[in-house]
Amino acid sequence: MRDSYWALIITLLVIAPRIISESLFRFTSIRMIWVFRIIDVFDIVLQTLSLLVIVLYIYSRHIHGQNQGISMVYLFLATMLMGGHMMHFAANAIDMHFREVLNVDPETTLPTSAYTLIHFIDEYLSHIIMFTALILIFCLGAIIELQKSPKMLDMQDKVLIMISGFILGSGFGISAVEASIPIYILILVAICLIAILWYAKANNRSFFDHPFCLYVTIIYIMLLLSAIAYIAVFGFQSPRELIGSYLGRP
């Protein structure tokens, strides 16, 4: 399959499930499957699938056949990504069960140490693990692709890759603010972007001849721009809380 199609598929797999679940189920009475919110079911099934597709795609296209050291680093990052995702799912599901199912505030209902643990895992530790692993996985794949022979991309492929990167990067930028660690994410992305730019220049490579590198570069740029723009306009207020305030929902 063409690299541009893969870029579009990855973008849709990451963005679509969250948009569908939030728009269909957050503000309706159809919210639960047993003790799970439907949004949580979408998260653990479809978001896990999207992350798995990203990991397997980058491995099959860029990591497979590399030396053992690179493969071990990639395996470690992939394990971090999936582990952080599961950690976030569990902590967030518990926190939101109190808030949206039992209609009580876990901060006042739970013992202080228990709430602090859940909140720390949900808002900080899991996000740090997930975003660190995902950003580094993209960076590693992009740099390794720059070591390969250039590919001739037609204009349709370039446009599709850039649009896909624009959408996913913008979404990641908003997610970075929602994740409560935007400054850390912005610094890490900036470092990775500089590393890719430096490697491309040092080896006389063009992004437009390396589709995945072009995709990652656009993602990083749009993540930085969208997160900075959001913070400049709305501060560090959670996008979810901001949308809820406009809709008159808690």
Protein backbone atom coordinates (compact mmCIF):
# COMPACT_ATOMS: atom_id res chain seq x y z
CA MET A 1 0.00 0.00 0.00
CA ARG A 2 1.18 3.53 -0.74
CA ASP A 3 2.80 5.41 2.13
CA SER A 4 0.34 8.29 1.73
CA TYR A 5 -2.59 5.92 2.26
CA TRP A 6 -0.97 4.59 5.41
CA ALA A 7 -0.56 8.14 6.70
CA LEU A 8 -4.28 8.75 6.16
CA ILE A 9 -5.25 5.43 7.78
CA ILE A 10 -3.13 6.13 10.87
CA THR A 11 -4.61 9.61 11.20
CA LEU A 12 -8.18 8.32 10.92
CA LEU A 13 -7.56 5.46 13.36
CA VAL A 14 -6.24 7.87 15.99
CA ILE A 15 -8.69 10.76 15.51
CA ALA A 16 -11.99 9.11 14.50
CA PRO A 17 -12.71 6.91 17.57
CA ARG A 18 -12.42 9.80 20.03
CA ILE A 19 -14.55 12.13 17.90
CA ILE A 20 -17.22 9.44 17.43
CA SER A 21 -17.37 8.45 21.09
CA GLU A 22 -17.40 12.03 22.39
CA SER A 23 -20.02 13.25 19.91
CA LEU A 24 -22.34 10.25 20.18
CA PHE A 25 -22.21 9.25 23.82
CA ARG A 26 -20.88 11.97 26.12
CA PHE A 27 -24.08 14.04 26.18
CA THR A 28 -26.67 11.28 25.76
CA SER A 29 -28.33 8.82 28.13
CA ILE A 30 -26.70 5.89 26.29
CA ARG A 31 -23.49 5.83 28.27
CA MET A 32 -22.89 2.45 29.88
CA ILE A 33 -21.97 -1.12 29.01
CA TRP A 34 -22.16 -2.98 32.33
CA VAL A 35 -19.90 -0.89 34.64
CA PHE A 36 -17.94 0.71 31.80
CA ARG A 37 -18.75 3.99 30.08
CA ILE A 38 -19.11 3.51 26.33
CA ILE A 39 -16.41 6.14 25.87
CA ASP A 40 -14.04 3.92 27.89
CA VAL A 41 -14.92 0.90 25.74
CA PHE A 42 -14.10 2.91 22.60
CA ASP A 43 -10.85 3.99 24.24
CA ILE A 44 -9.59 0.57 25.24
CA VAL A 45 -10.65 -1.17 22.00
CA LEU A 46 -10.21 1.34 19.17
CA GLN A 47 -7.42 3.47 20.62
CA THR A 48 -5.47 0.31 21.46
CA LEU A 49 -5.98 -0.84 17.87
CA SER A 50 -4.76 2.50 16.50
CA LEU A 51 -1.62 2.42 18.65
CA LEU A 52 -0.97 -1.19 17.63
CA VAL A 53 -1.26 -0.27 13.95
CA ILE A 54 1.24 2.58 14.42
CA VAL A 55 3.72 0.30 16.21
CA LEU A 56 3.45 -2.51 13.66
CA TYR A 57 3.54 -0.18 10.64
CA ILE A 58 6.71 1.61 11.77
CA TYR A 59 8.34 -1.68 12.71
CA SER A 60 7.55 -3.39 9.42
CA ARG A 61 8.55 -0.40 7.26
CA HIS A 62 11.54 1.01 9.11
CA ILE A 63 12.74 -1.03 12.11
CA HIS A 64 12.68 -4.57 10.73
CA GLY A 65 16.14 -5.51 9.48
CA GLN A 66 17.94 -2.94 11.64
CA ASN A 67 20.60 -3.97 14.14
CA GLN A 68 19.65 -5.60 17.43
CA GLY A 69 20.24 -2.45 19.47
CA ILE A 70 17.72 -0.40 17.50
CA SER A 71 15.20 -3.26 17.61
CA MET A 72 15.53 -3.53 21.39
CA VAL A 73 15.08 0.23 21.85
CA TYR A 74 11.99 0.12 19.63
CA LEU A 75 10.58 -2.86 21.55
CA PHE A 76 11.11 -0.99 24.82
CA LEU A 77 9.33 2.12 23.48
CA ALA A 78 6.44 0.04 22.10
CA THR A 79 6.06 -1.67 25.49
CA MET A 80 6.06 1.72 27.22
CA LEU A 81 3.39 3.01 24.83
CA MET A 82 0.99 0.12 25.35
CA GLY A 83 1.67 -0.06 29.08
CA GLY A 84 1.06 3.67 29.52
CA HIS A 85 -2.14 3.43 27.51
CA MET A 86 -3.48 0.59 29.70
CA MET A 87 -2.42 2.46 32.83
CA HIS A 88 -4.28 5.57 31.69
CA PHE A 89 -7.39 3.57 30.79
CA ALA A 90 -7.60 1.94 34.22
CA ALA A 91 -7.03 5.11 36.26
CA ASN A 92 -9.28 7.27 34.08
CA ALA A 93 -12.08 4.68 34.10
CA ILE A 94 -12.08 4.63 37.91
CA ASP A 95 -11.98 8.42 38.21
CA MET A 96 -14.79 8.97 35.69
CA HIS A 97 -16.91 6.19 37.21
CA PHE A 98 -17.07 8.24 40.39
CA ARG A 99 -17.78 11.48 38.52
CA GLU A 100 -20.22 10.42 35.79
CA VAL A 101 -21.79 7.19 37.07
CA LEU A 102 -21.94 7.65 40.84
CA ASN A 103 -22.13 11.47 40.52
CA VAL A 104 -19.73 12.09 43.36
CA ASP A 105 -16.38 13.84 43.51
CA PRO A 106 -13.62 11.26 44.07
CA GLU A 107 -11.41 13.96 45.60
CA THR A 108 -13.78 14.26 48.57
CA THR A 109 -15.16 10.71 48.55
CA LEU A 110 -11.94 8.70 48.48
CA PRO A 111 -9.21 8.78 51.11
CA THR A 112 -6.72 11.52 50.23
CA SER A 113 -3.86 9.13 49.44
CA ALA A 114 -6.07 6.96 47.21
CA TYR A 115 -7.35 9.92 45.19
CA THR A 116 -3.84 11.37 44.89
CA LEU A 117 -2.57 8.05 43.53
CA ILE A 118 -5.38 7.73 40.96
CA HIS A 119 -5.05 11.36 39.89
CA PHE A 120 -1.26 11.13 39.55
CA ILE A 121 -1.43 7.96 37.46
CA ASP A 122 -4.31 9.26 35.31
CA GLU A 123 -3.15 12.81 34.62
CA TYR A 124 0.63 12.65 34.87
CA LEU A 125 2.45 9.31 34.97
CA SER A 126 0.45 7.54 32.23
CA HIS A 127 0.54 10.62 29.98
CA ILE A 128 4.29 11.05 30.42
CA ILE A 129 4.89 7.39 29.54
CA MET A 130 2.49 7.38 26.56
CA PHE A 131 3.55 10.65 24.97
CA THR A 132 7.26 10.04 25.52
CA ALA A 133 7.06 6.62 23.88
CA LEU A 134 4.86 7.76 20.99
CA ILE A 135 6.93 10.85 20.17
CA LEU A 136 10.18 8.87 20.28
CA ILE A 137 8.71 6.04 18.17
CA PHE A 138 7.78 8.54 15.46
CA CYS A 139 11.19 10.19 15.70
CA LEU A 140 13.10 6.91 15.48
CA GLY A 141 11.09 5.78 12.46
CA ALA A 142 11.64 9.11 10.68
CA ILE A 143 15.41 9.16 11.24
CA ILE A 144 15.81 5.55 10.12
CA GLU A 145 13.80 6.27 6.96
CA LEU A 146 16.22 9.11 6.16
CA GLN A 147 18.97 6.49 5.96
CA LYS A 148 17.17 4.75 3.09
CA SER A 149 17.06 5.55 -0.59
CA PRO A 150 14.74 8.43 -1.60
CA LYS A 151 11.28 7.70 -2.97
CA MET A 152 9.73 9.68 -5.78
CA LEU A 153 6.40 10.99 -4.50
CA ASP A 154 3.86 12.55 -6.82
CA MET A 155 1.93 15.66 -5.82
CA GLN A 156 -1.13 13.67 -4.74
CA ASP A 157 0.95 11.65 -2.27
CA LYS A 158 2.63 14.74 -0.85
CA VAL A 159 -0.65 16.58 -0.39
CA LEU A 160 -2.33 13.57 1.26
CA ILE A 161 0.61 13.05 3.63
CA MET A 162 0.71 16.74 4.58
CA ILE A 163 -3.06 16.92 5.17
CA SER A 164 -2.92 13.75 7.29
CA GLY A 165 -0.01 15.15 9.29
CA PHE A 166 -1.80 18.49 9.69
CA ILE A 167 -4.91 16.82 11.14
CA LEU A 168 -3.10 14.41 13.44
CA GLY A 169 -0.57 17.00 14.61
CA SER A 170 -3.35 19.48 15.43
CA GLY A 171 -5.18 16.78 17.37
CA PHE A 172 -2.03 15.83 19.25
CA GLY A 173 -1.46 19.49 20.12
CA ILE A 174 -4.87 19.74 21.79
CA SER A 175 -4.28 16.37 23.47
CA ALA A 176 -0.98 17.69 24.85
CA VAL A 177 -2.87 20.43 26.69
CA GLU A 178 -5.55 17.98 27.84
CA ALA A 179 -2.81 15.67 29.14
CA SER A 180 -1.76 18.19 31.83
CA ILE A 181 1.89 18.10 30.73
CA PRO A 182 1.98 20.44 27.70
CA ILE A 183 5.34 22.07 28.47
CA TYR A 184 7.09 18.70 28.75
CA ILE A 185 5.51 17.49 25.50
CA LEU A 186 6.39 20.70 23.64
CA ILE A 187 10.02 20.48 24.76
CA LEU A 188 10.31 16.80 23.79
CA VAL A 189 8.72 17.40 20.37
CA ALA A 190 10.97 20.40 19.73
CA ILE A 191 14.05 18.30 20.54
CA CYS A 192 12.91 15.48 18.24
CA LEU A 193 12.08 17.93 15.44
CA ILE A 194 15.51 19.53 15.72
CA ALA A 195 17.12 16.07 15.66
CA ILE A 196 15.27 15.15 12.45
CA LEU A 197 16.10 18.48 10.79
CA TRP A 198 19.76 18.19 11.78
CA TYR A 199 20.04 14.59 10.55
CA ALA A 200 18.36 15.44 7.23
CA LYS A 201 20.65 18.42 6.66
CA ALA A 202 23.80 16.56 7.73
CA ASN A 203 23.03 13.74 5.29
CA ASN A 204 21.69 15.97 2.50
CA ARG A 205 18.23 14.39 2.60
CA SER A 206 14.92 15.91 1.54
CA PHE A 207 11.70 15.34 3.49
CA PHE A 208 9.73 15.27 0.27
CA ASP A 209 11.61 12.12 -0.82
CA HIS A 210 10.90 10.32 2.46
CA PRO A 211 7.14 10.03 3.09
CA PHE A 212 7.12 8.95 6.72
CA CYS A 213 9.67 11.60 7.65
CA LEU A 214 7.51 14.22 5.93
CA TYR A 215 4.47 12.93 7.83
CA VAL A 216 6.25 13.05 11.20
CA THR A 217 7.71 16.50 10.54
CA ILE A 218 4.26 17.93 9.76
CA ILE A 219 2.83 16.23 12.86
CA TYR A 220 5.52 17.75 15.08
CA ILE A 221 5.16 21.23 13.58
CA MET A 222 1.39 21.23 13.89
CA LEU A 223 1.54 19.83 17.43
CA LEU A 224 3.78 22.71 18.46
CA LEU A 225 1.72 25.35 16.67
CA SER A 226 -1.71 24.11 17.80
CA ALA A 227 -0.68 23.64 21.44
CA ILE A 228 1.02 27.05 21.61
CA ALA A 229 -1.96 28.73 19.91
CA TYR A 230 -4.43 27.09 22.29
CA ILE A 231 -2.39 28.06 25.36
CA ALA A 232 -2.01 31.64 24.07
CA VAL A 233 -5.80 32.00 23.70
CA PHE A 234 -7.25 29.85 26.50
CA GLY A 235 -4.34 29.29 28.87
CA PHE A 236 -3.89 25.83 30.35
CA GLN A 237 -7.63 25.15 30.78
CA SER A 238 -8.54 21.63 29.74
CA PRO A 239 -10.11 21.57 26.23
CA ARG A 240 -12.75 19.17 27.55
CA GLU A 241 -13.68 21.53 30.37
CA LEU A 242 -13.71 24.45 27.95
CA ILE A 243 -16.12 22.67 25.59
CA GLY A 244 -18.27 21.62 28.54
CA SER A 245 -18.52 25.20 29.79
CA TYR A 246 -19.74 26.39 26.38
CA LEU A 247 -22.32 23.60 26.26
CA GLY A 248 -23.39 24.26 29.80
CA ARG A 249 -22.23 20.84 31.03
CA PRO A 250 -19.93 20.09 33.97
